[in-house]
Amino acid sequence: MWQLGAGLVAASLIVSSAALADELKVTVLYSQPKSAEEFDKYYYSKHMPMVYAVKEIKKVEIARPRPAPNGSPSPYYLVTELWFDTPEVFKAVAATPEWKAIGADVANFAPPGTATILVSVVEPKK
């Protein structure tokens, strides 16, 4: 599990150069917050406008996990996916002050250890 601020920057360094033609997706899994109302207020009014300002992000998806088929609650409150055209585009974005500010901002609504990041190269349809 990576810390969000450093993780998004460090993640750009581990992307394989062999996958340069493929899309890249950053998935952030947010654990259940202490206050859903406070989380949502900050996330939507302050954090996401910063994300939407990054023009290189191809697509943004936000989803709310539901209980598992057996009825057990999801460990995650919110899932955010950010799509980039290529790993190189992501590397360039991750080096910007704007991206670093986005990573640093997460601590304002999600305590350390409550955001898990996955960086994936999207496989082409076969």
N, C-alpha and C. Protein backbone atom coordinates (compact mmCIF):
# COMPACT_ATOMS: atom_id res chain seq x y z
N MET A 1 0.85 -1.17 0.00
CA MET A 1 0.00 0.00 0.00
C MET A 1 0.90 1.24 0.00
N TRP A 2 0.62 2.17 -0.88
CA TRP A 2 1.38 3.40 -0.96
C TRP A 2 0.64 4.51 -0.28
N GLN A 3 1.37 5.47 0.23
CA GLN A 3 0.76 6.72 0.65
C GLN A 3 0.45 7.49 -0.63
N LEU A 4 -0.63 8.20 -0.64
CA LEU A 4 -1.11 8.81 -1.86
C LEU A 4 -0.16 9.81 -2.47
N GLY A 5 0.30 10.79 -1.72
CA GLY A 5 1.13 11.83 -2.29
C GLY A 5 2.39 11.28 -2.93
N ALA A 6 3.17 10.57 -2.16
CA ALA A 6 4.42 10.00 -2.66
C ALA A 6 4.16 8.87 -3.64
N GLY A 7 3.09 8.12 -3.42
CA GLY A 7 2.80 6.97 -4.26
C GLY A 7 2.51 7.33 -5.69
N LEU A 8 1.77 8.41 -5.91
CA LEU A 8 1.45 8.76 -7.29
C LEU A 8 2.68 9.24 -8.04
N VAL A 9 3.60 9.85 -7.34
CA VAL A 9 4.84 10.25 -7.98
C VAL A 9 5.72 9.02 -8.19
N ALA A 10 5.89 8.21 -7.15
CA ALA A 10 6.74 7.03 -7.25
C ALA A 10 6.19 6.04 -8.25
N ALA A 11 4.88 5.95 -8.37
CA ALA A 11 4.28 5.00 -9.29
C ALA A 11 4.71 5.29 -10.72
N SER A 12 4.91 6.53 -11.04
CA SER A 12 5.31 6.86 -12.41
C SER A 12 6.67 6.28 -12.74
N LEU A 13 7.48 6.04 -11.74
CA LEU A 13 8.82 5.52 -11.97
C LEU A 13 8.85 4.02 -12.21
N ILE A 14 7.78 3.32 -11.82
CA ILE A 14 7.78 1.87 -11.98
C ILE A 14 7.03 1.40 -13.22
N VAL A 15 6.47 2.33 -13.98
CA VAL A 15 5.73 1.96 -15.18
C VAL A 15 6.72 1.48 -16.23
N SER A 16 6.46 0.32 -16.77
CA SER A 16 7.35 -0.27 -17.75
C SER A 16 7.39 0.53 -19.05
N SER A 17 8.56 0.77 -19.55
CA SER A 17 8.67 1.48 -20.83
C SER A 17 8.22 0.60 -21.98
N ALA A 18 8.09 -0.69 -21.74
CA ALA A 18 7.61 -1.59 -22.79
C ALA A 18 6.13 -1.40 -23.07
N ALA A 19 5.43 -0.73 -22.17
CA ALA A 19 3.98 -0.58 -22.31
C ALA A 19 3.60 0.82 -22.75
N LEU A 20 4.48 1.52 -23.42
CA LEU A 20 4.24 2.92 -23.72
C LEU A 20 3.03 3.17 -24.62
N ALA A 21 2.59 2.21 -25.38
CA ALA A 21 1.46 2.42 -26.27
C ALA A 21 0.13 2.17 -25.57
N ASP A 22 0.14 1.65 -24.37
CA ASP A 22 -1.08 1.28 -23.67
C ASP A 22 -1.56 2.39 -22.75
N GLU A 23 -2.87 2.41 -22.52
CA GLU A 23 -3.43 3.35 -21.55
C GLU A 23 -2.96 2.97 -20.16
N LEU A 24 -2.96 3.97 -19.28
CA LEU A 24 -2.61 3.73 -17.90
C LEU A 24 -3.77 4.20 -17.04
N LYS A 25 -4.05 3.45 -15.98
CA LYS A 25 -5.15 3.78 -15.08
C LYS A 25 -4.62 3.82 -13.66
N VAL A 26 -4.94 4.91 -12.95
CA VAL A 26 -4.63 5.04 -11.54
C VAL A 26 -5.94 4.84 -10.80
N THR A 27 -5.97 3.85 -9.92
CA THR A 27 -7.16 3.55 -9.11
C THR A 27 -6.84 3.87 -7.66
N VAL A 28 -7.70 4.67 -7.04
CA VAL A 28 -7.53 5.00 -5.64
C VAL A 28 -8.73 4.42 -4.88
N LEU A 29 -8.45 3.56 -3.92
CA LEU A 29 -9.48 2.93 -3.09
C LEU A 29 -9.47 3.62 -1.73
N TYR A 30 -10.53 4.32 -1.42
CA TYR A 30 -10.64 5.03 -0.15
C TYR A 30 -11.39 4.16 0.85
N SER A 31 -10.78 3.94 2.01
CA SER A 31 -11.42 3.18 3.09
C SER A 31 -12.62 3.95 3.63
N GLN A 32 -13.44 3.25 4.40
CA GLN A 32 -14.61 3.89 5.01
C GLN A 32 -14.15 5.05 5.90
N PRO A 33 -14.66 6.26 5.68
CA PRO A 33 -14.24 7.41 6.50
C PRO A 33 -14.98 7.45 7.83
N LYS A 34 -14.44 8.22 8.77
CA LYS A 34 -15.14 8.42 10.05
C LYS A 34 -16.44 9.17 9.82
N SER A 35 -16.41 10.16 8.92
CA SER A 35 -17.61 10.93 8.60
C SER A 35 -17.76 10.99 7.09
N ALA A 36 -18.75 10.26 6.57
CA ALA A 36 -18.99 10.26 5.12
C ALA A 36 -19.36 11.67 4.64
N GLU A 37 -20.11 12.39 5.43
CA GLU A 37 -20.54 13.74 5.04
C GLU A 37 -19.34 14.67 4.89
N GLU A 38 -18.42 14.65 5.86
CA GLU A 38 -17.23 15.50 5.77
C GLU A 38 -16.33 15.07 4.61
N PHE A 39 -16.17 13.76 4.43
CA PHE A 39 -15.36 13.25 3.32
C PHE A 39 -15.92 13.77 2.00
N ASP A 40 -17.21 13.54 1.77
CA ASP A 40 -17.83 13.94 0.50
C ASP A 40 -17.75 15.44 0.27
N LYS A 41 -17.99 16.21 1.31
CA LYS A 41 -17.96 17.67 1.16
C LYS A 41 -16.59 18.13 0.67
N TYR A 42 -15.54 17.66 1.31
CA TYR A 42 -14.19 18.07 0.92
C TYR A 42 -13.81 17.48 -0.45
N TYR A 43 -14.07 16.19 -0.61
CA TYR A 43 -13.68 15.48 -1.83
C TYR A 43 -14.27 16.15 -3.07
N TYR A 44 -15.57 16.44 -3.03
CA TYR A 44 -16.23 16.99 -4.22
C TYR A 44 -16.05 18.50 -4.38
N SER A 45 -15.91 19.23 -3.29
CA SER A 45 -15.82 20.69 -3.43
C SER A 45 -14.39 21.20 -3.56
N LYS A 46 -13.42 20.47 -3.00
CA LYS A 46 -12.03 20.94 -3.02
C LYS A 46 -11.10 20.04 -3.83
N HIS A 47 -11.13 18.73 -3.52
CA HIS A 47 -10.16 17.82 -4.13
C HIS A 47 -10.42 17.56 -5.62
N MET A 48 -11.62 17.15 -5.93
CA MET A 48 -11.88 16.79 -7.33
C MET A 48 -11.76 17.95 -8.31
N PRO A 49 -12.08 19.19 -7.95
CA PRO A 49 -11.80 20.28 -8.89
C PRO A 49 -10.31 20.38 -9.26
N MET A 50 -9.43 20.04 -8.30
CA MET A 50 -7.99 20.02 -8.61
C MET A 50 -7.69 18.93 -9.63
N VAL A 51 -8.32 17.77 -9.44
CA VAL A 51 -8.11 16.64 -10.36
C VAL A 51 -8.64 16.99 -11.75
N TYR A 52 -9.85 17.53 -11.81
CA TYR A 52 -10.46 17.86 -13.09
C TYR A 52 -9.68 18.93 -13.85
N ALA A 53 -8.88 19.72 -13.14
CA ALA A 53 -8.07 20.76 -13.79
C ALA A 53 -6.88 20.17 -14.57
N VAL A 54 -6.55 18.91 -14.32
CA VAL A 54 -5.43 18.27 -15.03
C VAL A 54 -5.95 17.82 -16.40
N LYS A 55 -5.63 18.57 -17.40
CA LYS A 55 -6.17 18.33 -18.76
C LYS A 55 -5.70 17.02 -19.38
N GLU A 56 -4.57 16.50 -18.90
CA GLU A 56 -4.03 15.26 -19.47
C GLU A 56 -4.78 14.02 -19.01
N ILE A 57 -5.64 14.17 -18.02
CA ILE A 57 -6.43 13.01 -17.59
C ILE A 57 -7.52 12.78 -18.63
N LYS A 58 -7.50 11.61 -19.21
CA LYS A 58 -8.42 11.26 -20.29
C LYS A 58 -9.85 11.03 -19.80
N LYS A 59 -9.96 10.38 -18.65
CA LYS A 59 -11.28 10.03 -18.12
C LYS A 59 -11.17 9.89 -16.62
N VAL A 60 -12.24 10.30 -15.93
CA VAL A 60 -12.34 10.14 -14.48
C VAL A 60 -13.60 9.36 -14.18
N GLU A 61 -13.47 8.32 -13.37
CA GLU A 61 -14.64 7.55 -12.93
C GLU A 61 -14.63 7.49 -11.41
N ILE A 62 -15.80 7.73 -10.81
CA ILE A 62 -15.95 7.64 -9.36
C ILE A 62 -17.07 6.65 -9.10
N ALA A 63 -16.81 5.69 -8.23
CA ALA A 63 -17.81 4.65 -7.95
C ALA A 63 -17.90 4.43 -6.44
N ARG A 64 -19.09 4.03 -6.01
CA ARG A 64 -19.33 3.69 -4.60
C ARG A 64 -19.54 2.18 -4.51
N PRO A 65 -18.60 1.48 -3.89
CA PRO A 65 -18.74 0.03 -3.74
C PRO A 65 -20.00 -0.33 -2.95
N ARG A 66 -20.56 -1.45 -3.30
CA ARG A 66 -21.75 -1.99 -2.64
C ARG A 66 -21.34 -3.24 -1.86
N PRO A 67 -22.23 -3.74 -1.02
CA PRO A 67 -21.90 -4.97 -0.28
C PRO A 67 -21.59 -6.12 -1.23
N ALA A 68 -20.79 -7.06 -0.74
CA ALA A 68 -20.45 -8.26 -1.51
C ALA A 68 -21.70 -9.12 -1.68
N PRO A 69 -21.67 -10.08 -2.60
CA PRO A 69 -22.83 -10.97 -2.80
C PRO A 69 -23.29 -11.67 -1.52
N ASN A 70 -22.36 -11.90 -0.59
CA ASN A 70 -22.76 -12.55 0.66
C ASN A 70 -23.28 -11.55 1.69
N GLY A 71 -23.36 -10.28 1.31
CA GLY A 71 -23.91 -9.25 2.18
C GLY A 71 -22.89 -8.53 3.05
N SER A 72 -21.64 -8.99 3.03
CA SER A 72 -20.63 -8.31 3.86
C SER A 72 -20.34 -6.92 3.28
N PRO A 73 -20.12 -5.96 4.17
CA PRO A 73 -19.88 -4.59 3.70
C PRO A 73 -18.53 -4.48 2.99
N SER A 74 -18.46 -3.55 2.07
CA SER A 74 -17.19 -3.29 1.38
C SER A 74 -16.23 -2.58 2.33
N PRO A 75 -14.96 -2.91 2.24
CA PRO A 75 -13.98 -2.17 3.05
C PRO A 75 -13.73 -0.77 2.48
N TYR A 76 -14.24 -0.53 1.27
CA TYR A 76 -13.99 0.74 0.60
C TYR A 76 -15.25 1.58 0.52
N TYR A 77 -15.05 2.87 0.71
CA TYR A 77 -16.14 3.84 0.64
C TYR A 77 -16.30 4.38 -0.77
N LEU A 78 -15.14 4.64 -1.41
CA LEU A 78 -15.17 5.27 -2.73
C LEU A 78 -14.00 4.74 -3.55
N VAL A 79 -14.22 4.61 -4.85
CA VAL A 79 -13.17 4.20 -5.77
C VAL A 79 -13.07 5.27 -6.85
N THR A 80 -11.88 5.80 -7.04
CA THR A 80 -11.65 6.81 -8.07
C THR A 80 -10.68 6.23 -9.09
N GLU A 81 -11.03 6.34 -10.37
CA GLU A 81 -10.14 5.88 -11.43
C GLU A 81 -9.82 7.04 -12.35
N LEU A 82 -8.53 7.21 -12.61
CA LEU A 82 -8.04 8.26 -13.49
C LEU A 82 -7.32 7.60 -14.66
N TRP A 83 -7.76 7.89 -15.86
CA TRP A 83 -7.22 7.27 -17.06
C TRP A 83 -6.31 8.24 -17.81
N PHE A 84 -5.17 7.72 -18.24
CA PHE A 84 -4.20 8.49 -19.02
C PHE A 84 -3.95 7.76 -20.34
N ASP A 85 -3.65 8.51 -21.41
CA ASP A 85 -3.43 7.90 -22.72
C ASP A 85 -2.27 6.91 -22.73
N THR A 86 -1.19 7.25 -22.02
CA THR A 86 -0.02 6.38 -21.99
C THR A 86 0.70 6.53 -20.65
N PRO A 87 1.54 5.58 -20.30
CA PRO A 87 2.37 5.74 -19.11
C PRO A 87 3.25 6.99 -19.17
N GLU A 88 3.71 7.35 -20.36
CA GLU A 88 4.54 8.55 -20.48
C GLU A 88 3.77 9.81 -20.14
N VAL A 89 2.51 9.87 -20.54
CA VAL A 89 1.69 11.02 -20.18
C VAL A 89 1.57 11.10 -18.66
N PHE A 90 1.33 9.96 -18.03
CA PHE A 90 1.24 9.93 -16.58
C PHE A 90 2.55 10.38 -15.93
N LYS A 91 3.68 9.90 -16.44
CA LYS A 91 4.98 10.30 -15.90
C LYS A 91 5.14 11.82 -15.94
N ALA A 92 4.76 12.41 -17.07
CA ALA A 92 4.88 13.86 -17.23
C ALA A 92 3.98 14.59 -16.23
N VAL A 93 2.76 14.12 -16.09
CA VAL A 93 1.82 14.75 -15.16
C VAL A 93 2.31 14.60 -13.72
N ALA A 94 2.81 13.42 -13.36
CA ALA A 94 3.25 13.16 -11.99
C ALA A 94 4.41 14.05 -11.57
N ALA A 95 5.11 14.62 -12.52
CA ALA A 95 6.25 15.50 -12.22
C ALA A 95 5.84 16.95 -11.99
N THR A 96 4.57 17.27 -12.19
CA THR A 96 4.12 18.66 -12.09
C THR A 96 3.79 19.07 -10.66
N PRO A 97 3.92 20.36 -10.35
CA PRO A 97 3.51 20.84 -9.02
C PRO A 97 2.02 20.62 -8.77
N GLU A 98 1.20 20.70 -9.80
CA GLU A 98 -0.24 20.49 -9.64
C GLU A 98 -0.54 19.08 -9.16
N TRP A 99 0.13 18.09 -9.74
CA TRP A 99 -0.10 16.70 -9.34
C TRP A 99 0.39 16.46 -7.91
N LYS A 100 1.53 17.04 -7.59
CA LYS A 100 2.05 16.90 -6.24
C LYS A 100 1.09 17.53 -5.22
N ALA A 101 0.47 18.64 -5.60
CA ALA A 101 -0.51 19.28 -4.71
C ALA A 101 -1.74 18.40 -4.53
N ILE A 102 -2.16 17.70 -5.59
CA ILE A 102 -3.29 16.78 -5.49
C ILE A 102 -2.96 15.66 -4.50
N GLY A 103 -1.78 15.09 -4.60
CA GLY A 103 -1.37 14.04 -3.69
C GLY A 103 -1.31 14.53 -2.25
N ALA A 104 -0.76 15.71 -2.05
CA ALA A 104 -0.65 16.27 -0.71
C ALA A 104 -2.02 16.59 -0.13
N ASP A 105 -2.96 16.94 -0.98
CA ASP A 105 -4.30 17.33 -0.52
C ASP A 105 -5.08 16.17 0.08
N VAL A 106 -4.76 14.96 -0.27
CA VAL A 106 -5.52 13.80 0.21
C VAL A 106 -5.55 13.75 1.73
N ALA A 107 -4.48 14.15 2.38
CA ALA A 107 -4.45 14.13 3.85
C ALA A 107 -5.50 15.04 4.47
N ASN A 108 -6.04 15.96 3.69
CA ASN A 108 -7.07 16.85 4.20
C ASN A 108 -8.44 16.19 4.35
N PHE A 109 -8.63 15.02 3.73
CA PHE A 109 -9.93 14.35 3.84
C PHE A 109 -9.81 12.84 4.08
N ALA A 110 -8.64 12.28 3.88
CA ALA A 110 -8.43 10.84 4.08
C ALA A 110 -7.15 10.66 4.90
N PRO A 111 -7.26 10.24 6.15
CA PRO A 111 -6.07 10.06 6.99
C PRO A 111 -5.06 9.10 6.37
N PRO A 112 -3.78 9.25 6.74
CA PRO A 112 -2.76 8.33 6.21
C PRO A 112 -3.16 6.86 6.40
N GLY A 113 -2.88 6.08 5.38
CA GLY A 113 -3.20 4.66 5.43
C GLY A 113 -4.62 4.30 5.01
N THR A 114 -5.43 5.30 4.65
CA THR A 114 -6.82 5.02 4.28
C THR A 114 -7.06 5.11 2.78
N ALA A 115 -6.01 5.33 2.01
CA ALA A 115 -6.14 5.37 0.55
C ALA A 115 -5.13 4.39 -0.04
N THR A 116 -5.62 3.45 -0.82
CA THR A 116 -4.77 2.47 -1.49
C THR A 116 -4.72 2.83 -2.97
N ILE A 117 -3.53 2.79 -3.56
CA ILE A 117 -3.36 3.17 -4.96
C ILE A 117 -2.92 1.97 -5.78
N LEU A 118 -3.56 1.79 -6.91
CA LEU A 118 -3.14 0.79 -7.89
C LEU A 118 -2.84 1.54 -9.19
N VAL A 119 -1.71 1.25 -9.78
CA VAL A 119 -1.35 1.82 -11.08
C VAL A 119 -1.31 0.66 -12.05
N SER A 120 -2.11 0.73 -13.10
CA SER A 120 -2.26 -0.39 -14.03
C SER A 120 -2.11 0.06 -15.48
N VAL A 121 -1.46 -0.76 -16.27
CA VAL A 121 -1.48 -0.60 -17.71
C VAL A 121 -2.69 -1.38 -18.20
N VAL A 122 -3.54 -0.72 -18.96
CA VAL A 122 -4.77 -1.33 -19.44
C VAL A 122 -4.46 -2.23 -20.64
N GLU A 123 -4.81 -3.48 -20.53
CA GLU A 123 -4.56 -4.41 -21.62
C GLU A 123 -5.54 -4.19 -22.75
N PRO A 124 -5.08 -4.28 -23.99
CA PRO A 124 -6.00 -4.13 -25.11
C PRO A 124 -6.97 -5.29 -25.18
N LYS A 125 -8.14 -5.03 -25.75
CA LYS A 125 -9.12 -6.10 -25.92
C LYS A 125 -8.55 -7.12 -26.90
N LYS A 126 -8.81 -8.39 -26.59
CA LYS A 126 -8.27 -9.45 -27.46
C LYS A 126 -9.40 -10.18 -28.11
